[in-house]
Amino acid sequence: MEKNENISAEALDELEELDEEITEEPEGDDSETLDEADAASEYNDSAAQFSDLEDALAEANDKYLRLFAEYDNYRKRTAKEKTETYQNASVQCVEKLLPVLDSFERSLEAECADENFKNGMSMIYNQFTAFLSQMNVTEIEALGAEFDPNIHNAIQQQDGTDYASNHVCAVFQKGYMLGDKLVRPAMVAVAI
């Protein structure tokens, strides 16, 4: 049994030596390989995080640009609507005033015995037309002009006039424009 005990003791000593060798830190090349692997792993993790952050930044930038474009379109649309609303309101106001202007013109053409009354009416008419000029209201020149269905309303055709064919030969009611917008077309007769 002594022999078994001796073998066992020797075997135990060898096992302890092997255990110590195994538990000692690896020297040189093995530790560098592990550090490089850890560094590569950390680099890959950092690169993946950086890529994710770049993607998030690109997405946020895209959302910002879309929002900015949407706001810019909204601003332009509301500015256009505002000017159109103002212009439409002005057109409606001028349209309501035109019958008064027509009445003034007819009254000035009528015979009047009182010269002071006629002068007073003429002064009011001049003020009224000056106001319309300030508002950028212009009369459509119709007599002798070529017929344009966009600004003329033909209610009659006349034959045997001194005017060329398809030209306005008589004006029954004046037409007016507010800037480039038609307020009222001119009622005209067209030569055949």
N, C-alpha and C. Protein backbone atom coordinates (compact mmCIF):
# COMPACT_ATOMS: atom_id res chain seq x y z
N MET A 1 0.79 -1.18 0.00
CA MET A 1 0.00 0.00 0.00
C MET A 1 0.84 1.25 0.00
N GLU A 2 2.03 1.08 0.51
CA GLU A 2 2.91 2.22 0.51
C GLU A 2 3.17 2.68 -0.90
N LYS A 3 3.30 1.71 -1.77
CA LYS A 3 3.56 2.06 -3.14
C LYS A 3 2.38 2.85 -3.70
N ASN A 4 1.19 2.46 -3.41
CA ASN A 4 0.01 3.18 -3.89
C ASN A 4 -0.05 4.57 -3.29
N GLU A 5 0.35 4.65 -2.07
CA GLU A 5 0.34 5.97 -1.45
C GLU A 5 1.40 6.86 -2.06
N ASN A 6 2.60 6.27 -2.37
CA ASN A 6 3.65 7.05 -3.01
C ASN A 6 3.23 7.51 -4.41
N ILE A 7 2.63 6.65 -5.13
CA ILE A 7 2.18 7.02 -6.47
C ILE A 7 1.12 8.09 -6.36
N SER A 8 0.33 7.91 -5.46
CA SER A 8 -0.72 8.89 -5.30
C SER A 8 -0.14 10.23 -4.91
N ALA A 9 0.85 10.25 -4.07
CA ALA A 9 1.45 11.50 -3.66
C ALA A 9 2.16 12.14 -4.82
N GLU A 10 2.85 11.32 -5.59
CA GLU A 10 3.54 11.85 -6.76
C GLU A 10 2.51 12.38 -7.76
N ALA A 11 1.48 11.63 -7.97
CA ALA A 11 0.45 12.05 -8.90
C ALA A 11 -0.21 13.33 -8.43
N LEU A 12 -0.38 13.43 -7.14
CA LEU A 12 -0.97 14.64 -6.59
C LEU A 12 -0.06 15.83 -6.80
N ASP A 13 1.24 15.61 -6.61
CA ASP A 13 2.19 16.71 -6.83
C ASP A 13 2.15 17.18 -8.29
N GLU A 14 2.11 16.23 -9.21
CA GLU A 14 2.07 16.58 -10.63
C GLU A 14 0.76 17.31 -10.96
N LEU A 15 -0.30 16.86 -10.40
CA LEU A 15 -1.58 17.52 -10.63
C LEU A 15 -1.57 18.95 -10.11
N GLU A 16 -0.96 19.14 -8.96
CA GLU A 16 -0.89 20.49 -8.40
C GLU A 16 -0.05 21.39 -9.29
N GLU A 17 1.06 20.85 -9.81
CA GLU A 17 1.89 21.66 -10.70
C GLU A 17 1.12 22.04 -11.98
N LEU A 18 0.43 21.07 -12.53
CA LEU A 18 -0.37 21.34 -13.74
C LEU A 18 -1.47 22.38 -13.44
N ASP A 19 -2.05 22.27 -12.29
CA ASP A 19 -3.10 23.21 -11.90
C ASP A 19 -2.53 24.62 -11.78
N GLU A 20 -1.34 24.74 -11.22
CA GLU A 20 -0.71 26.05 -11.09
C GLU A 20 -0.38 26.64 -12.46
N GLU A 21 0.07 25.80 -13.38
CA GLU A 21 0.39 26.27 -14.72
C GLU A 21 -0.88 26.76 -15.44
N ILE A 22 -1.93 26.02 -15.22
CA ILE A 22 -3.18 26.38 -15.89
C ILE A 22 -3.74 27.68 -15.33
N THR A 23 -3.67 27.87 -14.03
CA THR A 23 -4.23 29.07 -13.41
C THR A 23 -3.38 30.30 -13.60
N GLU A 24 -2.12 30.16 -13.95
CA GLU A 24 -1.29 31.33 -14.20
C GLU A 24 -1.76 32.01 -15.49
N GLU A 25 -1.59 33.35 -15.53
CA GLU A 25 -2.01 34.11 -16.70
C GLU A 25 -1.13 33.75 -17.87
N PRO A 26 -1.67 33.66 -19.04
CA PRO A 26 -0.86 33.34 -20.21
C PRO A 26 0.12 34.48 -20.47
N GLU A 27 1.27 34.12 -20.93
CA GLU A 27 2.32 35.11 -21.16
C GLU A 27 2.34 35.51 -22.63
N GLY A 28 2.69 36.77 -22.85
CA GLY A 28 3.03 37.29 -24.17
C GLY A 28 1.93 37.21 -25.19
N ASP A 29 2.10 36.38 -26.19
CA ASP A 29 1.27 36.34 -27.39
C ASP A 29 -0.19 36.03 -27.10
N ASP A 30 -0.44 35.14 -26.14
CA ASP A 30 -1.82 34.77 -25.86
C ASP A 30 -2.61 35.95 -25.30
N SER A 31 -2.04 36.75 -24.42
CA SER A 31 -2.75 37.88 -23.83
C SER A 31 -2.98 38.98 -24.87
N GLU A 32 -2.02 39.20 -25.78
CA GLU A 32 -2.19 40.19 -26.82
C GLU A 32 -3.30 39.79 -27.78
N THR A 33 -3.41 38.53 -28.06
CA THR A 33 -4.46 38.04 -28.95
C THR A 33 -5.82 38.29 -28.33
N LEU A 34 -5.95 38.05 -27.03
CA LEU A 34 -7.21 38.30 -26.35
C LEU A 34 -7.53 39.80 -26.33
N ASP A 35 -6.52 40.65 -26.06
CA ASP A 35 -6.74 42.10 -26.05
C ASP A 35 -7.15 42.61 -27.43
N GLU A 36 -6.51 42.10 -28.48
CA GLU A 36 -6.87 42.50 -29.84
C GLU A 36 -8.29 42.07 -30.17
N ALA A 37 -8.67 40.90 -29.74
CA ALA A 37 -10.03 40.42 -29.99
C ALA A 37 -11.04 41.29 -29.25
N ASP A 38 -10.72 41.66 -28.00
CA ASP A 38 -11.60 42.54 -27.25
C ASP A 38 -11.69 43.92 -27.91
N ALA A 39 -10.55 44.44 -28.37
CA ALA A 39 -10.52 45.74 -29.02
C ALA A 39 -11.33 45.70 -30.32
N ALA A 40 -11.18 44.65 -31.09
CA ALA A 40 -11.93 44.51 -32.33
C ALA A 40 -13.42 44.43 -32.05
N SER A 41 -13.75 43.70 -31.00
CA SER A 41 -15.16 43.57 -30.62
C SER A 41 -15.72 44.93 -30.19
N GLU A 42 -14.95 45.67 -29.39
CA GLU A 42 -15.38 47.00 -28.97
C GLU A 42 -15.48 47.93 -30.17
N TYR A 43 -14.52 47.83 -31.11
CA TYR A 43 -14.56 48.67 -32.31
C TYR A 43 -15.81 48.37 -33.13
N ASN A 44 -16.11 47.11 -33.31
CA ASN A 44 -17.31 46.73 -34.06
C ASN A 44 -18.57 47.23 -33.38
N ASP A 45 -18.61 47.14 -32.04
CA ASP A 45 -19.76 47.65 -31.30
C ASP A 45 -19.87 49.17 -31.47
N SER A 46 -18.73 49.87 -31.39
CA SER A 46 -18.74 51.33 -31.55
C SER A 46 -19.14 51.71 -32.97
N ALA A 47 -18.65 50.99 -33.95
CA ALA A 47 -19.00 51.27 -35.34
C ALA A 47 -20.49 51.05 -35.57
N ALA A 48 -21.04 50.01 -34.98
CA ALA A 48 -22.48 49.75 -35.12
C ALA A 48 -23.29 50.86 -34.46
N GLN A 49 -22.84 51.30 -33.27
CA GLN A 49 -23.54 52.39 -32.59
C GLN A 49 -23.42 53.68 -33.40
N PHE A 50 -22.24 53.94 -33.96
CA PHE A 50 -22.04 55.13 -34.77
C PHE A 50 -22.93 55.09 -36.01
N SER A 51 -23.01 53.94 -36.63
CA SER A 51 -23.87 53.78 -37.80
C SER A 51 -25.33 54.00 -37.43
N ASP A 52 -25.76 53.49 -36.29
CA ASP A 52 -27.13 53.70 -35.83
C ASP A 52 -27.39 55.18 -35.57
N LEU A 53 -26.43 55.87 -34.96
CA LEU A 53 -26.58 57.30 -34.70
C LEU A 53 -26.63 58.10 -36.00
N GLU A 54 -25.79 57.72 -36.97
CA GLU A 54 -25.83 58.39 -38.27
C GLU A 54 -27.20 58.21 -38.94
N ASP A 55 -27.74 57.00 -38.87
CA ASP A 55 -29.06 56.73 -39.44
C ASP A 55 -30.13 57.56 -38.74
N ALA A 56 -30.05 57.64 -37.42
CA ALA A 56 -31.03 58.42 -36.66
C ALA A 56 -30.91 59.91 -37.01
N LEU A 57 -29.68 60.40 -37.15
CA LEU A 57 -29.46 61.79 -37.53
C LEU A 57 -29.99 62.06 -38.93
N ALA A 58 -29.74 61.17 -39.86
CA ALA A 58 -30.25 61.35 -41.23
C ALA A 58 -31.77 61.35 -41.23
N GLU A 59 -32.38 60.49 -40.45
CA GLU A 59 -33.84 60.44 -40.37
C GLU A 59 -34.40 61.73 -39.75
N ALA A 60 -33.75 62.21 -38.69
CA ALA A 60 -34.20 63.45 -38.06
C ALA A 60 -34.02 64.63 -39.01
N ASN A 61 -32.92 64.65 -39.74
CA ASN A 61 -32.67 65.72 -40.70
C ASN A 61 -33.71 65.69 -41.82
N ASP A 62 -34.05 64.50 -42.29
CA ASP A 62 -35.07 64.36 -43.32
C ASP A 62 -36.42 64.86 -42.82
N LYS A 63 -36.78 64.50 -41.58
CA LYS A 63 -38.03 64.97 -40.99
C LYS A 63 -38.03 66.49 -40.87
N TYR A 64 -36.89 67.06 -40.46
CA TYR A 64 -36.77 68.51 -40.34
C TYR A 64 -36.96 69.19 -41.69
N LEU A 65 -36.29 68.67 -42.73
CA LEU A 65 -36.41 69.28 -44.05
C LEU A 65 -37.83 69.18 -44.58
N ARG A 66 -38.49 68.06 -44.35
CA ARG A 66 -39.88 67.91 -44.79
C ARG A 66 -40.80 68.88 -44.04
N LEU A 67 -40.58 69.02 -42.75
CA LEU A 67 -41.38 69.94 -41.96
C LEU A 67 -41.14 71.38 -42.40
N PHE A 68 -39.89 71.72 -42.67
CA PHE A 68 -39.56 73.06 -43.13
C PHE A 68 -40.23 73.34 -44.48
N ALA A 69 -40.17 72.38 -45.40
CA ALA A 69 -40.80 72.55 -46.71
C ALA A 69 -42.31 72.68 -46.57
N GLU A 70 -42.89 71.88 -45.69
CA GLU A 70 -44.33 71.94 -45.46
C GLU A 70 -44.73 73.31 -44.89
N TYR A 71 -43.95 73.82 -43.95
CA TYR A 71 -44.23 75.14 -43.38
C TYR A 71 -44.08 76.23 -44.43
N ASP A 72 -43.04 76.12 -45.26
CA ASP A 72 -42.82 77.13 -46.30
C ASP A 72 -44.00 77.13 -47.29
N ASN A 73 -44.46 75.94 -47.67
CA ASN A 73 -45.63 75.85 -48.56
C ASN A 73 -46.87 76.44 -47.89
N TYR A 74 -47.05 76.17 -46.61
CA TYR A 74 -48.18 76.72 -45.87
C TYR A 74 -48.13 78.25 -45.85
N ARG A 75 -46.93 78.78 -45.59
CA ARG A 75 -46.76 80.24 -45.54
C ARG A 75 -47.08 80.87 -46.89
N LYS A 76 -46.58 80.27 -47.97
CA LYS A 76 -46.84 80.81 -49.30
C LYS A 76 -48.33 80.70 -49.65
N ARG A 77 -48.93 79.56 -49.30
CA ARG A 77 -50.35 79.36 -49.62
C ARG A 77 -51.22 80.36 -48.87
N THR A 78 -50.93 80.59 -47.59
CA THR A 78 -51.75 81.55 -46.83
C THR A 78 -51.54 82.98 -47.32
N ALA A 79 -50.31 83.31 -47.72
CA ALA A 79 -50.07 84.66 -48.26
C ALA A 79 -50.84 84.84 -49.57
N LYS A 80 -50.84 83.80 -50.41
CA LYS A 80 -51.58 83.88 -51.67
C LYS A 80 -53.07 83.99 -51.40
N GLU A 81 -53.58 83.19 -50.47
CA GLU A 81 -55.00 83.24 -50.13
C GLU A 81 -55.39 84.61 -49.57
N LYS A 82 -54.49 85.19 -48.80
CA LYS A 82 -54.75 86.51 -48.22
C LYS A 82 -54.88 87.57 -49.31
N THR A 83 -53.94 87.57 -50.27
CA THR A 83 -54.01 88.56 -51.34
C THR A 83 -55.23 88.31 -52.24
N GLU A 84 -55.53 87.03 -52.49
CA GLU A 84 -56.71 86.72 -53.30
C GLU A 84 -57.99 87.15 -52.59
N THR A 85 -58.06 86.94 -51.29
CA THR A 85 -59.23 87.35 -50.53
C THR A 85 -59.39 88.86 -50.57
N TYR A 86 -58.29 89.58 -50.40
CA TYR A 86 -58.33 91.04 -50.47
C TYR A 86 -58.78 91.49 -51.85
N GLN A 87 -58.21 90.87 -52.89
CA GLN A 87 -58.54 91.26 -54.25
C GLN A 87 -60.01 90.93 -54.56
N ASN A 88 -60.47 89.76 -54.12
CA ASN A 88 -61.87 89.40 -54.36
C ASN A 88 -62.82 90.36 -53.64
N ALA A 89 -62.47 90.74 -52.43
CA ALA A 89 -63.30 91.71 -51.69
C ALA A 89 -63.30 93.05 -52.40
N SER A 90 -62.15 93.47 -52.90
CA SER A 90 -62.07 94.73 -53.64
C SER A 90 -62.91 94.67 -54.91
N VAL A 91 -62.83 93.54 -55.61
CA VAL A 91 -63.61 93.38 -56.84
C VAL A 91 -65.10 93.48 -56.53
N GLN A 92 -65.54 92.82 -55.47
CA GLN A 92 -66.96 92.86 -55.11
C GLN A 92 -67.39 94.28 -54.74
N CYS A 93 -66.54 94.99 -54.02
CA CYS A 93 -66.86 96.37 -53.64
C CYS A 93 -66.97 97.27 -54.88
N VAL A 94 -66.00 97.16 -55.78
CA VAL A 94 -66.02 97.97 -56.99
C VAL A 94 -67.23 97.60 -57.85
N GLU A 95 -67.53 96.32 -57.91
CA GLU A 95 -68.67 95.87 -58.69
C GLU A 95 -69.98 96.50 -58.19
N LYS A 96 -70.10 96.66 -56.88
CA LYS A 96 -71.30 97.29 -56.30
C LYS A 96 -71.33 98.81 -56.59
N LEU A 97 -70.15 99.42 -56.76
CA LEU A 97 -70.09 100.86 -57.01
C LEU A 97 -70.30 101.23 -58.48
N LEU A 98 -70.10 100.29 -59.40
CA LEU A 98 -70.19 100.61 -60.82
C LEU A 98 -71.57 101.10 -61.26
N PRO A 99 -72.67 100.55 -60.74
CA PRO A 99 -73.97 101.13 -61.13
C PRO A 99 -74.11 102.60 -60.72
N VAL A 100 -73.51 102.98 -59.62
CA VAL A 100 -73.54 104.39 -59.19
C VAL A 100 -72.75 105.23 -60.20
N LEU A 101 -71.61 104.73 -60.65
CA LEU A 101 -70.81 105.43 -61.65
C LEU A 101 -71.60 105.58 -62.95
N ASP A 102 -72.28 104.52 -63.36
CA ASP A 102 -73.12 104.58 -64.58
C ASP A 102 -74.21 105.65 -64.43
N SER A 103 -74.82 105.70 -63.27
CA SER A 103 -75.88 106.70 -63.03
C SER A 103 -75.31 108.11 -63.08
N PHE A 104 -74.13 108.32 -62.54
CA PHE A 104 -73.49 109.63 -62.60
C PHE A 104 -73.25 110.03 -64.06
N GLU A 105 -72.73 109.08 -64.85
CA GLU A 105 -72.45 109.40 -66.25
C GLU A 105 -73.73 109.76 -67.00
N ARG A 106 -74.81 109.04 -66.75
CA ARG A 106 -76.09 109.35 -67.41
C ARG A 106 -76.62 110.71 -66.95
N SER A 107 -76.44 111.01 -65.66
CA SER A 107 -76.94 112.30 -65.16
C SER A 107 -76.15 113.47 -65.75
N LEU A 108 -74.88 113.27 -66.00
CA LEU A 108 -74.08 114.34 -66.61
C LEU A 108 -74.45 114.56 -68.07
N GLU A 109 -74.92 113.53 -68.74
CA GLU A 109 -75.33 113.66 -70.14
C GLU A 109 -76.71 114.32 -70.27
N ALA A 110 -77.50 114.29 -69.21
CA ALA A 110 -78.87 114.85 -69.26
C ALA A 110 -78.80 116.38 -69.24
N GLU A 111 -79.83 116.96 -69.83
CA GLU A 111 -79.94 118.42 -69.85
C GLU A 111 -80.28 118.93 -68.45
N CYS A 112 -79.63 120.04 -68.09
CA CYS A 112 -79.89 120.63 -66.77
C CYS A 112 -79.89 122.15 -66.92
N ALA A 113 -80.91 122.80 -66.38
CA ALA A 113 -81.01 124.26 -66.46
C ALA A 113 -80.11 124.93 -65.44
N ASP A 114 -79.88 124.29 -64.30
CA ASP A 114 -79.05 124.87 -63.23
C ASP A 114 -77.58 124.49 -63.46
N GLU A 115 -76.80 125.47 -63.87
CA GLU A 115 -75.39 125.22 -64.17
C GLU A 115 -74.60 124.86 -62.92
N ASN A 116 -74.92 125.46 -61.78
CA ASN A 116 -74.22 125.14 -60.53
C ASN A 116 -74.44 123.68 -60.12
N PHE A 117 -75.65 123.21 -60.29
CA PHE A 117 -75.96 121.81 -59.97
C PHE A 117 -75.16 120.87 -60.86
N LYS A 118 -75.11 121.20 -62.15
CA LYS A 118 -74.36 120.37 -63.09
C LYS A 118 -72.87 120.38 -62.75
N ASN A 119 -72.31 121.55 -62.36
CA ASN A 119 -70.90 121.62 -61.97
C ASN A 119 -70.63 120.81 -60.71
N GLY A 120 -71.55 120.87 -59.76
CA GLY A 120 -71.41 120.08 -58.53
C GLY A 120 -71.41 118.58 -58.81
N MET A 121 -72.32 118.15 -59.69
CA MET A 121 -72.38 116.73 -60.07
C MET A 121 -71.09 116.33 -60.79
N SER A 122 -70.58 117.21 -61.62
CA SER A 122 -69.34 116.93 -62.36
C SER A 122 -68.16 116.79 -61.40
N MET A 123 -68.13 117.64 -60.36
CA MET A 123 -67.04 117.55 -59.37
C MET A 123 -67.12 116.24 -58.58
N ILE A 124 -68.33 115.85 -58.21
CA ILE A 124 -68.49 114.58 -57.48
C ILE A 124 -68.09 113.41 -58.38
N TYR A 125 -68.47 113.47 -59.64
CA TYR A 125 -68.10 112.42 -60.60
C TYR A 125 -66.57 112.33 -60.72
N ASN A 126 -65.90 113.49 -60.80
CA ASN A 126 -64.43 113.51 -60.91
C ASN A 126 -63.78 112.92 -59.66
N GLN A 127 -64.33 113.22 -58.49
CA GLN A 127 -63.80 112.63 -57.26
C GLN A 127 -63.97 111.11 -57.27
N PHE A 128 -65.13 110.69 -57.73
CA PHE A 128 -65.43 109.26 -57.77
C PHE A 128 -64.48 108.53 -58.73
N THR A 129 -64.27 109.08 -59.90
CA THR A 129 -63.35 108.45 -60.87
C THR A 129 -61.90 108.50 -60.38
N ALA A 130 -61.53 109.57 -59.67
CA ALA A 130 -60.17 109.65 -59.11
C ALA A 130 -59.97 108.55 -58.05
N PHE A 131 -60.99 108.33 -57.24
CA PHE A 131 -60.93 107.26 -56.23
C PHE A 131 -60.76 105.90 -56.91
N LEU A 132 -61.53 105.66 -57.97
CA LEU A 132 -61.42 104.39 -58.68
C LEU A 132 -60.03 104.23 -59.32
N SER A 133 -59.46 105.32 -59.78
CA SER A 133 -58.10 105.26 -60.35
C SER A 133 -57.08 104.90 -59.27
N GLN A 134 -57.25 105.48 -58.09
CA GLN A 134 -56.36 105.15 -56.98
C GLN A 134 -56.48 103.67 -56.59
N MET A 135 -57.67 103.13 -56.77
CA MET A 135 -57.89 101.71 -56.46
C MET A 135 -57.42 100.79 -57.59
N ASN A 136 -56.82 101.39 -58.64
CA ASN A 136 -56.31 100.65 -59.80
C ASN A 136 -57.43 100.06 -60.65
N VAL A 137 -58.57 100.75 -60.67
CA VAL A 137 -59.69 100.35 -61.52
C VAL A 137 -59.55 101.09 -62.85
N THR A 138 -59.55 100.33 -63.94
CA THR A 138 -59.42 100.93 -65.26
C THR A 138 -60.60 100.52 -66.14
N GLU A 139 -60.95 101.44 -67.04
CA GLU A 139 -62.03 101.17 -67.99
C GLU A 139 -61.47 100.33 -69.13
N ILE A 140 -62.25 99.37 -69.59
CA ILE A 140 -61.85 98.54 -70.73
C ILE A 140 -62.13 99.34 -72.01
N GLU A 141 -61.09 99.56 -72.78
CA GLU A 141 -61.24 100.26 -74.06
C GLU A 141 -61.90 99.28 -75.03
N ALA A 142 -63.10 99.57 -75.44
CA ALA A 142 -63.85 98.62 -76.25
C ALA A 142 -64.13 99.13 -77.65
N LEU A 143 -64.57 100.35 -77.82
CA LEU A 143 -65.01 100.86 -79.12
C LEU A 143 -63.86 100.83 -80.11
N GLY A 144 -64.06 100.09 -81.21
CA GLY A 144 -63.05 99.98 -82.25
C GLY A 144 -62.04 98.87 -82.01
N ALA A 145 -62.05 98.27 -80.83
CA ALA A 145 -61.11 97.19 -80.53
C ALA A 145 -61.63 95.88 -81.08
N GLU A 146 -60.71 94.96 -81.32
CA GLU A 146 -61.12 93.63 -81.78
C GLU A 146 -61.87 92.93 -80.65
N PHE A 147 -62.93 92.21 -81.01
CA PHE A 147 -63.76 91.55 -80.01
C PHE A 147 -62.95 90.48 -79.27
N ASP A 148 -62.99 90.55 -77.95
CA ASP A 148 -62.32 89.57 -77.08
C ASP A 148 -63.37 89.04 -76.10
N PRO A 149 -63.75 87.78 -76.23
CA PRO A 149 -64.81 87.25 -75.35
C PRO A 149 -64.42 87.23 -73.88
N ASN A 150 -63.14 87.39 -73.57
CA ASN A 150 -62.71 87.41 -72.17
C ASN A 150 -63.07 88.72 -71.47
N ILE A 151 -63.17 89.81 -72.25
CA ILE A 151 -63.46 91.11 -71.64
C ILE A 151 -64.69 91.80 -72.23
N HIS A 152 -65.23 91.25 -73.31
CA HIS A 152 -66.41 91.83 -73.94
C HIS A 152 -67.57 90.86 -73.87
N ASN A 153 -68.76 91.42 -73.68
CA ASN A 153 -69.99 90.63 -73.69
C ASN A 153 -70.80 91.10 -74.89
N ALA A 154 -70.78 90.32 -75.97
CA ALA A 154 -71.47 90.71 -77.19
C ALA A 154 -72.95 90.42 -77.04
N ILE A 155 -73.76 91.46 -77.16
CA ILE A 155 -75.21 91.28 -77.05
C ILE A 155 -75.91 91.56 -78.38
N GLN A 156 -75.11 91.99 -79.37
CA GLN A 156 -75.71 92.32 -80.66
C GLN A 156 -74.65 92.26 -81.75
N GLN A 157 -75.09 91.91 -82.96
CA GLN A 157 -74.23 91.98 -84.13
C GLN A 157 -74.82 93.01 -85.08
N GLN A 158 -73.96 93.84 -85.66
CA GLN A 158 -74.44 94.88 -86.57
C GLN A 158 -73.75 94.74 -87.91
N ASP A 159 -74.54 94.92 -88.95
CA ASP A 159 -74.02 94.81 -90.30
C ASP A 159 -73.97 96.21 -90.92
N GLY A 160 -73.06 96.45 -91.81
CA GLY A 160 -72.99 97.71 -92.52
C GLY A 160 -72.47 98.85 -91.66
N THR A 161 -71.47 98.60 -90.83
CA THR A 161 -70.88 99.66 -90.00
C THR A 161 -69.54 100.08 -90.59
N ASP A 162 -68.97 101.13 -90.07
CA ASP A 162 -67.67 101.61 -90.52
C ASP A 162 -66.52 100.82 -89.88
N TYR A 163 -66.83 99.87 -89.07
CA TYR A 163 -65.81 99.09 -88.35
C TYR A 163 -65.54 97.78 -89.08
N ALA A 164 -64.33 97.26 -88.91
CA ALA A 164 -63.94 96.00 -89.54
C ALA A 164 -64.70 94.85 -88.88
N SER A 165 -64.74 93.77 -89.60
CA SER A 165 -65.44 92.59 -89.09
C SER A 165 -64.79 92.11 -87.79
N ASN A 166 -65.61 91.66 -86.87
CA ASN A 166 -65.19 91.14 -85.57
C ASN A 166 -64.56 92.23 -84.68
N HIS A 167 -64.97 93.47 -84.90
CA HIS A 167 -64.53 94.58 -84.05
C HIS A 167 -65.76 95.18 -83.37
N VAL A 168 -65.53 95.78 -82.22
CA VAL A 168 -66.62 96.38 -81.45
C VAL A 168 -67.05 97.67 -82.15
N CYS A 169 -68.36 97.76 -82.44
CA CYS A 169 -68.86 98.95 -83.14
C CYS A 169 -69.75 99.81 -82.25
N ALA A 170 -70.18 99.29 -81.09
CA ALA A 170 -71.00 100.09 -80.17
C ALA A 170 -70.81 99.55 -78.76
N VAL A 171 -70.82 100.46 -77.79
CA VAL A 171 -70.69 100.07 -76.38
C VAL A 171 -71.97 100.47 -75.66
N PHE A 172 -72.64 99.49 -75.07
CA PHE A 172 -73.88 99.76 -74.35
C PHE A 172 -73.63 99.97 -72.85
N GLN A 173 -72.62 99.30 -72.33
CA GLN A 173 -72.24 99.46 -70.91
C GLN A 173 -70.73 99.27 -70.82
N LYS A 174 -70.05 100.20 -70.15
CA LYS A 174 -68.60 100.13 -70.04
C LYS A 174 -68.19 98.94 -69.16
N GLY A 175 -67.02 98.40 -69.50
CA GLY A 175 -66.45 97.33 -68.71
C GLY A 175 -65.28 97.86 -67.90
N TYR A 176 -64.97 97.18 -66.79
CA TYR A 176 -63.90 97.65 -65.91
C TYR A 176 -63.05 96.48 -65.43
N MET A 177 -61.77 96.80 -65.18
CA MET A 177 -60.80 95.85 -64.65
C MET A 177 -60.24 96.41 -63.35
N LEU A 178 -59.96 95.53 -62.42
CA LEU A 178 -59.26 95.91 -61.19
C LEU A 178 -57.91 95.23 -61.25
N GLY A 179 -56.90 96.00 -61.59
CA GLY A 179 -55.59 95.41 -61.84
C GLY A 179 -55.68 94.54 -63.08
N ASP A 180 -55.43 93.25 -62.93
CA ASP A 180 -55.55 92.33 -64.06
C ASP A 180 -56.79 91.44 -63.95
N LYS A 181 -57.66 91.77 -63.00
CA LYS A 181 -58.87 90.97 -62.78
C LYS A 181 -60.09 91.70 -63.34
N LEU A 182 -60.91 90.94 -64.06
CA LEU A 182 -62.10 91.51 -64.67
C LEU A 182 -63.17 91.73 -63.61
N VAL A 183 -63.68 92.98 -63.54
CA VAL A 183 -64.76 93.30 -62.62
C VAL A 183 -66.10 93.15 -63.32
N ARG A 184 -66.18 93.78 -64.52
CA ARG A 184 -67.42 93.70 -65.30
C ARG A 184 -67.03 93.78 -66.77
N PRO A 185 -67.51 92.82 -67.59
CA PRO A 185 -67.20 92.90 -69.02
C PRO A 185 -68.01 94.02 -69.68
N ALA A 186 -67.50 94.53 -70.76
CA ALA A 186 -68.18 95.59 -71.51
C ALA A 186 -69.28 94.95 -72.36
N MET A 187 -70.50 95.54 -72.31
CA MET A 187 -71.58 95.08 -73.16
C MET A 187 -71.46 95.81 -74.48
N VAL A 188 -71.29 95.03 -75.56
CA VAL A 188 -70.96 95.63 -76.84
C VAL A 188 -71.77 95.01 -77.98
N ALA A 189 -71.72 95.74 -79.11
CA ALA A 189 -72.22 95.22 -80.38
C ALA A 189 -71.00 94.98 -81.26
N VAL A 190 -71.04 93.89 -82.02
CA VAL A 190 -69.89 93.51 -82.84
C VAL A 190 -70.26 93.62 -84.30
N ALA A 191 -69.35 94.20 -85.10
CA ALA A 191 -69.58 94.34 -86.53
C ALA A 191 -69.39 92.99 -87.20
N ILE A 192 -70.28 92.76 -88.22
CA ILE A 192 -70.19 91.49 -88.95
C ILE A 192 -69.34 91.70 -90.19
